N, C-alpha and C. Protein backbone atom coordinates (compact mmCIF):
# COMPACT_ATOMS: atom_id res chain seq x y z
N UNK A 1 12.21 -8.16 -24.89
CA UNK A 1 10.95 -7.96 -24.64
C UNK A 1 10.27 -8.18 -23.18
N UNK A 2 11.05 -9.48 -22.89
CA UNK A 2 10.37 -9.38 -21.34
C UNK A 2 10.86 -8.56 -20.22
N UNK A 3 12.26 -7.90 -20.99
CA UNK A 3 12.51 -7.41 -19.81
C UNK A 3 11.69 -6.07 -19.46
N UNK A 4 11.22 -5.38 -21.13
CA UNK A 4 10.23 -4.72 -20.63
C UNK A 4 8.97 -4.68 -20.45
N UNK A 5 8.55 -5.79 -20.46
CA UNK A 5 7.27 -5.87 -19.31
C UNK A 5 7.58 -6.70 -18.00
N UNK A 6 8.38 -6.75 -17.87
CA UNK A 6 9.02 -7.03 -16.20
C UNK A 6 9.26 -5.59 -15.68
N UNK A 7 9.74 -4.56 -16.22
CA UNK A 7 10.24 -3.24 -15.90
C UNK A 7 8.54 -2.53 -15.84
N UNK A 8 7.57 -2.65 -16.67
CA UNK A 8 6.25 -2.01 -16.93
C UNK A 8 5.59 -2.65 -15.19
N UNK A 9 5.41 -4.14 -15.12
CA UNK A 9 4.98 -4.79 -14.39
C UNK A 9 5.84 -3.98 -12.61
N UNK A 10 7.06 -4.04 -12.74
CA UNK A 10 7.50 -3.44 -11.34
C UNK A 10 7.13 -1.81 -11.70
N UNK A 11 7.60 -1.41 -12.51
CA UNK A 11 7.09 0.16 -12.13
C UNK A 11 5.65 0.17 -11.57
N UNK A 12 4.49 -0.36 -12.15
CA UNK A 12 3.18 -0.30 -11.79
C UNK A 12 3.36 -0.48 -10.11
N UNK A 13 4.05 -1.43 -9.81
CA UNK A 13 4.20 -2.11 -8.26
C UNK A 13 4.60 -0.92 -7.66
N UNK A 14 6.16 -0.17 -7.45
CA UNK A 14 6.46 0.48 -7.17
C UNK A 14 5.63 2.15 -7.26
N UNK A 15 5.50 2.46 -8.34
CA UNK A 15 4.43 3.98 -8.25
C UNK A 15 3.20 3.90 -8.50
N UNK A 16 2.50 4.86 -7.64
CA UNK A 16 1.22 4.79 -7.99
C UNK A 16 0.86 6.32 -8.03
N UNK A 17 0.08 7.02 -9.10
CA UNK A 17 -0.47 8.73 -8.89
C UNK A 17 -1.95 8.03 -8.07
N UNK A 18 -1.97 9.49 -7.18
CA UNK A 18 -2.71 9.79 -6.53
C UNK A 18 -4.16 10.19 -6.77
N UNK A 19 -4.30 10.28 -8.32
CA UNK A 19 -5.51 10.76 -8.78
C UNK A 19 -6.58 9.37 -9.45
N UNK A 20 -7.62 9.36 -9.06
CA UNK A 20 -8.21 7.91 -9.31
C UNK A 20 -9.75 8.05 -10.40
N UNK A 21 -9.32 9.76 -11.40
CA UNK A 21 -10.35 9.98 -12.18
C UNK A 21 -11.70 10.45 -11.93
N UNK A 22 -12.14 10.11 -10.95
CA UNK A 22 -13.74 10.32 -10.52
C UNK A 22 -14.29 11.39 -10.31
N UNK A 23 -15.46 11.93 -10.49
CA UNK A 23 -15.71 13.04 -10.33
C UNK A 23 -16.06 13.41 -9.20
N UNK A 24 -16.05 14.84 -8.39
CA UNK A 24 -16.74 15.19 -7.18
C UNK A 24 -17.34 14.47 -6.48
N UNK A 25 -17.06 14.24 -5.19
CA UNK A 25 -18.28 13.36 -4.53
C UNK A 25 -18.99 14.77 -3.73
N UNK A 26 -20.51 14.72 -3.96
CA UNK A 26 -20.87 16.01 -2.87
C UNK A 26 -21.16 15.11 -1.25
N UNK A 27 -21.25 16.49 -0.78
CA UNK A 27 -21.38 15.73 0.41
C UNK A 27 -22.36 17.29 1.56
N UNK A 28 -23.78 16.44 1.15
CA UNK A 28 -24.60 17.32 1.70
C UNK A 28 -24.39 17.73 3.42
N UNK A 29 -24.18 18.92 3.62
CA UNK A 29 -23.90 18.89 5.25
C UNK A 29 -24.99 20.03 5.88
N UNK A 30 -26.33 19.30 6.24
CA UNK A 30 -27.35 19.95 6.70
C UNK A 30 -26.91 20.85 8.11
N UNK A 31 -25.96 20.71 8.65
CA UNK A 31 -26.44 21.09 10.12
C UNK A 31 -25.64 22.17 10.01
N UNK A 32 -24.25 22.59 9.16
CA UNK A 32 -24.08 23.68 8.16
C UNK A 32 -24.87 24.62 7.04
N UNK A 33 -25.59 23.53 7.00
CA UNK A 33 -26.56 24.50 5.69
C UNK A 33 -25.44 24.65 4.81
N UNK A 34 -25.03 23.57 3.84
CA UNK A 34 -23.98 23.67 2.83
C UNK A 34 -24.36 22.27 2.62
N UNK A 35 -23.16 22.48 1.45
CA UNK A 35 -22.99 21.55 0.30
C UNK A 35 -21.81 21.70 0.14
N UNK A 36 -20.66 20.34 0.46
CA UNK A 36 -18.61 20.68 0.17
C UNK A 36 -19.14 19.50 -0.72
N UNK A 37 -17.94 19.53 -1.43
CA UNK A 37 -17.31 18.50 -2.80
C UNK A 37 -15.94 19.24 -2.77
N UNK A 38 -15.04 17.71 -2.58
CA UNK A 38 -13.48 18.04 -3.18
C UNK A 38 -13.50 17.59 -4.80
N UNK A 39 -12.31 17.86 -4.85
CA UNK A 39 -11.99 17.76 -6.51
C UNK A 39 -11.12 16.48 -6.30
N UNK A 40 -10.68 16.40 -7.36
CA UNK A 40 -9.52 14.62 -7.20
C UNK A 40 -7.98 15.47 -6.92
N UNK A 41 -7.12 14.74 -6.57
CA UNK A 41 -6.07 15.31 -5.72
C UNK A 41 -5.60 14.99 -6.74
N UNK A 42 -4.62 15.74 -6.71
CA UNK A 42 -3.27 15.90 -7.72
C UNK A 42 -1.79 15.91 -7.11
N UNK A 43 -0.99 15.00 -7.31
CA UNK A 43 -0.03 14.89 -6.85
C UNK A 43 1.27 15.41 -7.77
N UNK A 44 1.87 16.53 -7.22
CA UNK A 44 2.76 16.72 -8.32
C UNK A 44 4.14 16.07 -8.43
N UNK A 45 4.60 15.44 -7.23
CA UNK A 45 5.49 14.15 -7.69
C UNK A 45 4.90 12.76 -7.19
N UNK A 46 5.66 11.45 -7.97
CA UNK A 46 5.59 10.55 -8.09
C UNK A 46 5.15 10.00 -6.49
N UNK A 47 4.33 8.75 -5.92
CA UNK A 47 3.92 8.20 -5.38
C UNK A 47 5.20 7.23 -5.04
N UNK A 48 5.71 6.63 -4.08
CA UNK A 48 6.41 5.18 -4.04
C UNK A 48 5.81 4.45 -2.82
N UNK A 49 5.34 3.27 -3.51
CA UNK A 49 5.21 2.69 -2.50
C UNK A 49 4.14 2.80 -1.37
N UNK A 50 3.45 3.93 -1.62
CA UNK A 50 2.21 4.38 -0.77
C UNK A 50 2.87 5.97 0.21
N UNK A 51 3.94 6.18 -0.78
CA UNK A 51 4.65 7.29 0.46
C UNK A 51 5.14 7.77 0.00
N UNK A 52 5.28 9.48 0.01
CA UNK A 52 6.14 10.43 -0.69
C UNK A 52 4.72 11.15 -1.65
N UNK A 53 5.73 11.32 -2.75
CA UNK A 53 4.76 11.55 -3.97
C UNK A 53 3.49 13.07 -3.17
N UNK A 54 4.67 14.11 -2.34
CA UNK A 54 4.04 15.03 -2.11
C UNK A 54 4.76 16.34 -2.58
N UNK A 55 4.28 17.51 -2.76
CA UNK A 55 2.47 17.70 -2.54
C UNK A 55 1.94 17.55 -3.32
N UNK A 56 0.45 17.21 -2.47
CA UNK A 56 -0.69 17.20 -3.74
C UNK A 56 -1.39 18.30 -3.34
N UNK A 57 -2.15 18.61 -4.46
CA UNK A 57 -3.07 19.53 -4.19
C UNK A 57 -4.21 19.59 -5.01
N UNK A 58 -5.62 20.10 -4.21
CA UNK A 58 -7.14 19.39 -4.68
C UNK A 58 -8.11 20.55 -3.79
N UNK A 59 -9.22 20.87 -5.10
CA UNK A 59 -9.71 22.14 -4.39
C UNK A 59 -11.18 21.88 -3.70
N UNK A 60 -11.46 22.13 -2.77
CA UNK A 60 -12.76 22.22 -2.10
C UNK A 60 -13.87 23.14 -2.82
N UNK A 61 -14.96 22.90 -2.58
CA UNK A 61 -16.24 24.07 -3.38
C UNK A 61 -17.02 23.81 -1.59
N UNK A 62 -17.95 24.85 -1.90
CA UNK A 62 -18.89 25.02 -0.59
C UNK A 62 -20.02 25.30 -1.47
N UNK A 63 -20.92 25.02 -1.11
CA UNK A 63 -22.17 25.71 -1.65
C UNK A 63 -23.34 26.26 -0.61
N UNK A 64 -23.32 27.45 -0.09
CA UNK A 64 -24.52 27.53 1.21
C UNK A 64 -25.67 27.21 0.33
N UNK A 65 -26.68 26.72 1.45
CA UNK A 65 -27.73 26.02 0.87
C UNK A 65 -29.00 27.36 1.20
N UNK A 66 -28.77 28.48 1.85
CA UNK A 66 -29.79 29.38 2.07
C UNK A 66 -29.89 30.14 0.69
N UNK A 67 -28.40 30.97 0.11
CA UNK A 67 -27.72 31.80 -0.47
C UNK A 67 -27.84 31.45 -2.04
N UNK A 68 -27.27 29.95 -2.10
CA UNK A 68 -26.63 29.48 -3.26
C UNK A 68 -25.36 29.84 -3.37
N UNK A 69 -24.85 30.66 -2.87
CA UNK A 69 -23.54 31.15 -2.99
C UNK A 69 -22.33 30.12 -3.01
N UNK A 70 -21.46 29.93 -4.34
CA UNK A 70 -20.73 28.68 -4.17
C UNK A 70 -18.77 29.77 -3.83
N UNK A 71 -18.32 29.09 -2.77
CA UNK A 71 -17.10 29.16 -2.56
C UNK A 71 -15.73 28.31 -2.86
N UNK A 72 -14.81 28.84 -3.28
CA UNK A 72 -13.55 27.75 -3.34
C UNK A 72 -12.11 27.86 -3.15
N UNK A 73 -12.04 26.87 -2.89
CA UNK A 73 -10.44 26.85 -1.87
C UNK A 73 -9.28 25.89 -2.99
N UNK A 74 -8.16 26.09 -2.39
CA UNK A 74 -7.07 25.31 -2.97
C UNK A 74 -6.49 24.56 -1.99
N UNK A 75 -6.58 24.10 -1.71
CA UNK A 75 -5.71 22.80 -0.62
C UNK A 75 -4.41 22.23 -1.18
N UNK A 76 -3.38 22.78 -0.39
CA UNK A 76 -2.12 22.23 -0.55
C UNK A 76 -1.48 21.16 0.29
N UNK A 77 -1.28 19.80 0.25
CA UNK A 77 -0.83 18.97 1.31
C UNK A 77 0.58 19.19 1.35
N UNK A 78 1.61 19.26 2.07
CA UNK A 78 2.58 19.28 2.15
C UNK A 78 3.32 18.03 2.32
N UNK A 79 2.54 17.13 2.47
CA UNK A 79 3.15 15.67 2.78
C UNK A 79 3.76 15.01 3.85
N UNK A 80 4.29 15.95 4.12
CA UNK A 80 5.25 15.62 5.98
C UNK A 80 4.85 16.65 7.18
N UNK A 81 5.07 16.38 7.99
CA UNK A 81 4.78 17.76 9.32
C UNK A 81 5.87 18.45 9.59
N UNK A 82 6.09 19.63 8.90
CA UNK A 82 7.29 20.27 8.51
C UNK A 82 7.57 21.12 9.95
N UNK A 83 7.96 21.52 11.22
CA UNK A 83 7.90 22.35 11.86
C UNK A 83 7.69 23.59 11.96
N UNK A 84 8.48 24.11 10.54
CA UNK A 84 8.13 25.39 9.66
C UNK A 84 6.59 25.96 10.02
N UNK A 85 6.17 26.91 10.57
CA UNK A 85 4.99 27.42 10.38
C UNK A 85 4.47 27.99 8.51
N UNK A 86 3.67 27.68 8.24
CA UNK A 86 3.32 28.07 6.62
C UNK A 86 2.96 29.26 6.66
N UNK A 87 3.60 30.32 5.96
CA UNK A 87 3.20 31.82 5.77
C UNK A 87 2.00 32.14 4.76
N UNK A 88 2.38 31.59 3.28
CA UNK A 88 1.35 31.81 2.64
C UNK A 88 1.47 31.09 1.34
N UNK A 89 0.40 30.89 0.66
CA UNK A 89 0.54 30.58 -1.01
C UNK A 89 -0.21 30.95 -2.09
N UNK A 90 0.58 31.30 -3.17
CA UNK A 90 0.47 31.85 -4.57
C UNK A 90 0.38 30.92 -5.64
N UNK A 91 -0.86 31.62 -6.48
CA UNK A 91 -1.08 31.17 -7.82
C UNK A 91 -0.29 31.67 -8.64
N UNK A 92 0.33 31.13 -9.91
CA UNK A 92 1.22 32.30 -11.06
C UNK A 92 -0.01 31.47 -12.18
N UNK A 93 -0.42 32.39 -12.85
CA UNK A 93 -1.35 32.10 -13.92
C UNK A 93 -1.35 32.74 -15.27
N UNK A 94 -0.49 32.33 -16.35
CA UNK A 94 0.19 32.88 -17.45
C UNK A 94 1.28 34.04 -16.69
N UNK A 95 1.09 34.83 -16.64
CA UNK A 95 2.58 35.84 -16.42
C UNK A 95 2.00 36.37 -15.00
N UNK A 96 1.12 36.17 -14.56
CA UNK A 96 0.83 36.94 -13.28
C UNK A 96 0.74 36.08 -12.18
N UNK A 97 1.39 36.36 -10.86
CA UNK A 97 1.19 35.90 -9.42
C UNK A 97 0.38 36.21 -8.41
N UNK A 98 -0.88 35.58 -8.18
CA UNK A 98 -2.04 35.99 -7.20
C UNK A 98 -1.53 35.27 -6.03
N UNK A 99 -1.60 36.58 -4.99
CA UNK A 99 -0.68 35.96 -3.64
C UNK A 99 -2.79 35.24 -2.95
N UNK A 100 -3.27 34.21 -2.51
CA UNK A 100 -4.02 33.77 -1.87
C UNK A 100 -4.50 33.94 -0.80
N UNK A 101 -5.40 34.29 -0.10
CA UNK A 101 -5.57 34.57 1.25
C UNK A 101 -5.82 33.32 1.95
N UNK A 102 -5.28 32.67 3.12
CA UNK A 102 -5.33 31.79 4.07
C UNK A 102 -6.86 31.63 4.85
N UNK A 103 -6.88 30.12 4.85
CA UNK A 103 -8.61 30.02 5.42
C UNK A 103 -8.00 29.12 6.41
N UNK A 104 -7.30 28.19 6.39
CA UNK A 104 -6.93 27.43 7.59
C UNK A 104 -5.39 26.61 7.30
N UNK A 105 -5.14 26.29 8.39
CA UNK A 105 -4.01 25.03 8.15
C UNK A 105 -4.88 24.00 9.01
N UNK A 106 -4.71 22.66 9.01
CA UNK A 106 -4.59 21.51 9.77
C UNK A 106 -3.40 20.82 10.05
N UNK A 107 -3.01 20.47 11.14
CA UNK A 107 -1.91 19.99 11.09
C UNK A 107 -2.20 18.37 11.04
N UNK A 108 -1.50 17.21 11.42
CA UNK A 108 -1.88 15.97 11.50
C UNK A 108 -0.31 15.06 10.92
N UNK A 109 -0.56 14.22 10.87
CA UNK A 109 0.66 13.36 10.51
C UNK A 109 1.44 14.11 9.40
N UNK A 110 0.37 15.36 8.42
CA UNK A 110 0.99 16.04 7.57
C UNK A 110 0.45 17.34 7.37
N UNK A 111 0.75 18.93 6.90
CA UNK A 111 0.32 20.02 7.05
C UNK A 111 -0.42 20.04 5.81
N UNK A 112 -1.71 20.26 5.72
CA UNK A 112 -3.38 20.84 4.65
C UNK A 112 -2.96 21.93 4.78
N UNK A 113 -2.60 23.16 3.93
CA UNK A 113 -2.91 24.42 3.74
C UNK A 113 -3.45 24.70 2.52
N UNK A 114 -4.63 25.60 3.02
CA UNK A 114 -5.87 25.76 2.42
C UNK A 114 -5.98 27.31 2.35
N UNK A 115 -6.52 27.49 0.97
CA UNK A 115 -6.06 29.31 0.57
C UNK A 115 -7.43 29.52 -0.01
N UNK A 116 -8.20 30.74 -0.15
CA UNK A 116 -9.09 30.91 -0.76
C UNK A 116 -9.24 31.33 -2.34
N UNK A 117 -9.87 30.23 -3.47
CA UNK A 117 -9.33 30.62 -4.33
C UNK A 117 -10.84 31.60 -5.06
N UNK A 118 -10.08 33.18 -5.06
CA UNK A 118 -11.25 34.37 -5.35
C UNK A 118 -12.28 34.07 -6.98
N UNK A 119 -13.30 34.13 -6.73
CA UNK A 119 -14.19 34.08 -7.72
C UNK A 119 -13.68 34.92 -9.56
N UNK A 120 -13.17 35.81 -8.84
CA UNK A 120 -12.72 36.66 -10.21
C UNK A 120 -11.50 35.97 -11.04
N UNK A 121 -10.51 35.15 -10.33
CA UNK A 121 -9.95 34.51 -10.69
C UNK A 121 -9.74 33.08 -11.57
N UNK A 122 -11.25 32.67 -11.56
CA UNK A 122 -11.92 31.47 -11.67
C UNK A 122 -11.38 31.21 -13.69
N UNK A 123 -11.97 32.13 -14.24
CA UNK A 123 -12.05 32.35 -15.81
C UNK A 123 -10.67 32.55 -16.25
N UNK A 124 -9.78 33.43 -15.24
CA UNK A 124 -8.37 33.02 -15.48
C UNK A 124 -7.88 31.74 -15.66
N UNK A 125 -7.88 31.32 -14.49
CA UNK A 125 -7.99 30.01 -14.15
C UNK A 125 -7.83 29.17 -15.18
N UNK A 126 -9.04 29.20 -15.85
CA UNK A 126 -9.58 28.31 -16.58
C UNK A 126 -8.61 28.26 -18.08
N UNK A 127 -7.98 29.49 -18.54
CA UNK A 127 -7.33 29.24 -19.48
C UNK A 127 -6.22 30.03 -19.51
N UNK A 128 -5.58 29.52 -18.62
CA UNK A 128 -4.01 29.76 -18.34
C UNK A 128 -3.48 28.81 -19.05
N UNK A 129 -2.43 29.80 -19.77
CA UNK A 129 -1.56 28.76 -20.75
C UNK A 129 -0.45 28.07 -20.14
N UNK A 130 0.06 28.68 -18.93
CA UNK A 130 1.27 28.17 -18.05
C UNK A 130 0.31 28.26 -16.28
N UNK A 131 1.08 27.30 -15.24
CA UNK A 131 0.74 27.82 -14.24
C UNK A 131 1.84 27.19 -12.98
N UNK A 132 1.83 28.18 -12.30
CA UNK A 132 2.76 27.87 -11.05
C UNK A 132 2.41 27.54 -9.60
N UNK A 133 2.52 26.96 -8.55
CA UNK A 133 2.05 27.16 -7.33
C UNK A 133 3.59 27.48 -6.51
N UNK A 134 3.24 28.31 -5.61
CA UNK A 134 4.33 28.64 -4.81
C UNK A 134 4.19 28.61 -3.35
N UNK A 135 5.21 28.18 -2.54
CA UNK A 135 4.07 27.68 -0.79
C UNK A 135 5.19 28.15 -0.07
N UNK A 136 4.85 29.09 0.97
CA UNK A 136 6.12 29.89 1.48
C UNK A 136 5.75 29.02 3.01
N UNK A 137 6.68 29.05 3.49
CA UNK A 137 6.92 28.72 5.23
C UNK A 137 8.31 29.85 5.63
N UNK A 138 8.17 29.74 7.21
CA UNK A 138 9.20 30.33 7.65
C UNK A 138 10.65 30.37 7.51
N UNK A 139 10.78 29.33 6.19
CA UNK A 139 11.96 29.15 6.34
C UNK A 139 12.64 28.81 5.11
N UNK A 140 11.40 28.76 4.28
CA UNK A 140 11.91 28.48 2.73
C UNK A 140 10.60 28.74 2.01
N UNK A 141 10.90 29.15 0.24
CA UNK A 141 10.06 29.03 -0.56
C UNK A 141 10.04 27.96 -1.45
N UNK A 142 8.66 27.39 -1.57
CA UNK A 142 9.11 26.10 -2.85
C UNK A 142 7.96 26.84 -3.82
N UNK A 143 8.77 26.97 -5.14
CA UNK A 143 8.18 27.02 -6.10
C UNK A 143 7.67 25.82 -6.85
N UNK A 144 6.79 25.39 -7.73
CA UNK A 144 6.89 24.68 -8.65
C UNK A 144 5.73 24.72 -9.96
N UNK A 145 6.37 24.46 -10.76
CA UNK A 145 5.89 24.85 -12.35
C UNK A 145 5.05 23.65 -12.54
N UNK A 146 3.89 23.86 -12.99
CA UNK A 146 3.27 22.60 -13.32
C UNK A 146 3.86 22.39 -14.85
N UNK A 147 3.56 20.87 -15.50
CA UNK A 147 3.89 20.65 -16.54
C UNK A 147 2.26 20.65 -17.38
N UNK A 148 2.70 20.97 -18.70
CA UNK A 148 1.24 20.73 -19.09
C UNK A 148 -0.23 19.58 -19.02
N UNK A 149 0.55 18.89 -18.51
CA UNK A 149 -0.22 17.80 -18.07
C UNK A 149 -1.07 17.48 -17.07
N UNK A 150 -0.34 18.28 -15.92
CA UNK A 150 -0.77 18.51 -14.62
C UNK A 150 -1.67 20.01 -14.67
N UNK A 151 -1.58 20.82 -15.69
CA UNK A 151 -1.99 22.29 -15.65
C UNK A 151 -3.36 21.75 -15.99
N UNK A 152 -3.59 21.07 -17.20
CA UNK A 152 -4.93 20.10 -17.77
C UNK A 152 -5.61 19.50 -16.71
N UNK A 153 -4.89 18.65 -16.18
CA UNK A 153 -5.61 17.81 -14.74
C UNK A 153 -6.31 18.93 -13.94
N UNK A 154 -5.60 20.12 -13.70
CA UNK A 154 -5.96 20.86 -12.31
C UNK A 154 -7.14 22.19 -13.13
N UNK A 155 -6.86 21.87 -14.38
CA UNK A 155 -8.54 22.88 -14.87
C UNK A 155 -9.19 22.09 -14.95
N UNK A 156 -8.96 20.95 -15.32
CA UNK A 156 -10.62 19.60 -15.49
C UNK A 156 -11.36 19.43 -13.77
N UNK A 157 -10.04 18.81 -12.85
CA UNK A 157 -10.70 19.18 -11.99
C UNK A 157 -11.76 19.95 -11.54
N UNK A 158 -10.81 21.06 -11.63
CA UNK A 158 -11.78 22.57 -11.12
C UNK A 158 -13.21 22.87 -11.54
N UNK A 159 -12.94 22.12 -13.46
CA UNK A 159 -14.32 22.43 -14.36
C UNK A 159 -14.87 21.41 -13.49
N UNK A 160 -14.76 20.20 -13.26
CA UNK A 160 -15.62 19.03 -12.85
C UNK A 160 -16.77 19.39 -11.29
N UNK A 161 -15.59 20.50 -10.81
CA UNK A 161 -16.19 20.46 -9.29
C UNK A 161 -17.25 21.31 -9.38
N UNK A 162 -16.65 22.68 -10.38
CA UNK A 162 -18.06 23.80 -10.39
C UNK A 162 -19.18 23.13 -11.22
N UNK A 163 -18.90 22.42 -11.75
CA UNK A 163 -20.40 21.44 -12.70
C UNK A 163 -21.05 21.03 -11.65
N UNK A 164 -20.32 20.28 -10.92
CA UNK A 164 -21.02 19.43 -9.73
C UNK A 164 -22.03 20.15 -8.70
N UNK A 165 -20.88 21.27 -8.35
CA UNK A 165 -21.90 21.98 -7.68
C UNK A 165 -22.84 23.20 -7.89
N UNK A 166 -22.61 23.55 -9.10
CA UNK A 166 -23.49 24.23 -9.89
C UNK A 166 -25.20 23.30 -10.11
N UNK A 167 -24.92 22.16 -10.28
CA UNK A 167 -25.97 21.27 -10.89
C UNK A 167 -26.66 20.68 -9.48
N UNK A 168 -26.37 20.95 -8.52
CA UNK A 168 -26.37 20.43 -6.99
C UNK A 168 -27.81 21.04 -6.30
N UNK A 169 -29.21 20.61 -6.19
CA UNK A 169 -30.31 21.06 -6.22
C UNK A 169 -29.98 21.74 -4.67
N UNK A 170 -30.91 22.38 -3.95
CA UNK A 170 -30.83 23.47 -2.43
C UNK A 170 -31.41 22.06 -1.64
N UNK A 171 -30.38 21.77 -0.74
CA UNK A 171 -30.98 20.97 0.41
C UNK A 171 -32.49 21.31 0.95
N UNK A 172 -33.21 20.30 1.51
CA UNK A 172 -34.27 20.76 2.09
C UNK A 172 -34.11 20.28 3.41
N UNK A 173 -33.94 21.04 4.48
CA UNK A 173 -34.05 21.18 5.78
C UNK A 173 -35.19 21.39 6.59
N UNK A 174 -35.32 20.92 7.38
CA UNK A 174 -36.61 21.04 8.17
C UNK A 174 -36.10 21.38 9.44
N UNK A 175 -36.26 22.98 10.33
CA UNK A 175 -35.67 23.31 11.91
C UNK A 175 -36.72 22.95 12.64
N UNK A 176 -36.09 22.28 13.18
CA UNK A 176 -37.40 21.86 14.65
C UNK A 176 -36.86 21.95 15.71
């Protein structure tokens, strides 16, 4: 019993998940005439002592203040600075692959690749029975099949983000 308790405590010290269970934080951006929010991050592998645990994925939503139009993107953090240039990202929902349109790539100590999530696949995403993500560089392609728990967490993260942005009122902006 003591060994089991020791193992559990040691595991908690060495392994940390990157999700926090919080709702998306809405960020008013009056200069850009929009409101944006990021979903909770979901790491597809374990983080050990605060490092590794990559790749991680999350959603970003942007609501245009003038029109109320909301757009969504899928952000894929590679986790290391890979010298190979990213080519693209695809999302498999059920039996169908969807090639996502590239929005941008952020280079720092890691690479974050963002792709547009078309509004016509949002209902398919919410009800998909299986999911996989494919990330391709010039050198290789990495296909990651999500577990049922990861799939449900990702679906929940997107639903929370959609609800938060839809419920947000239009910003009052005075331009002088």
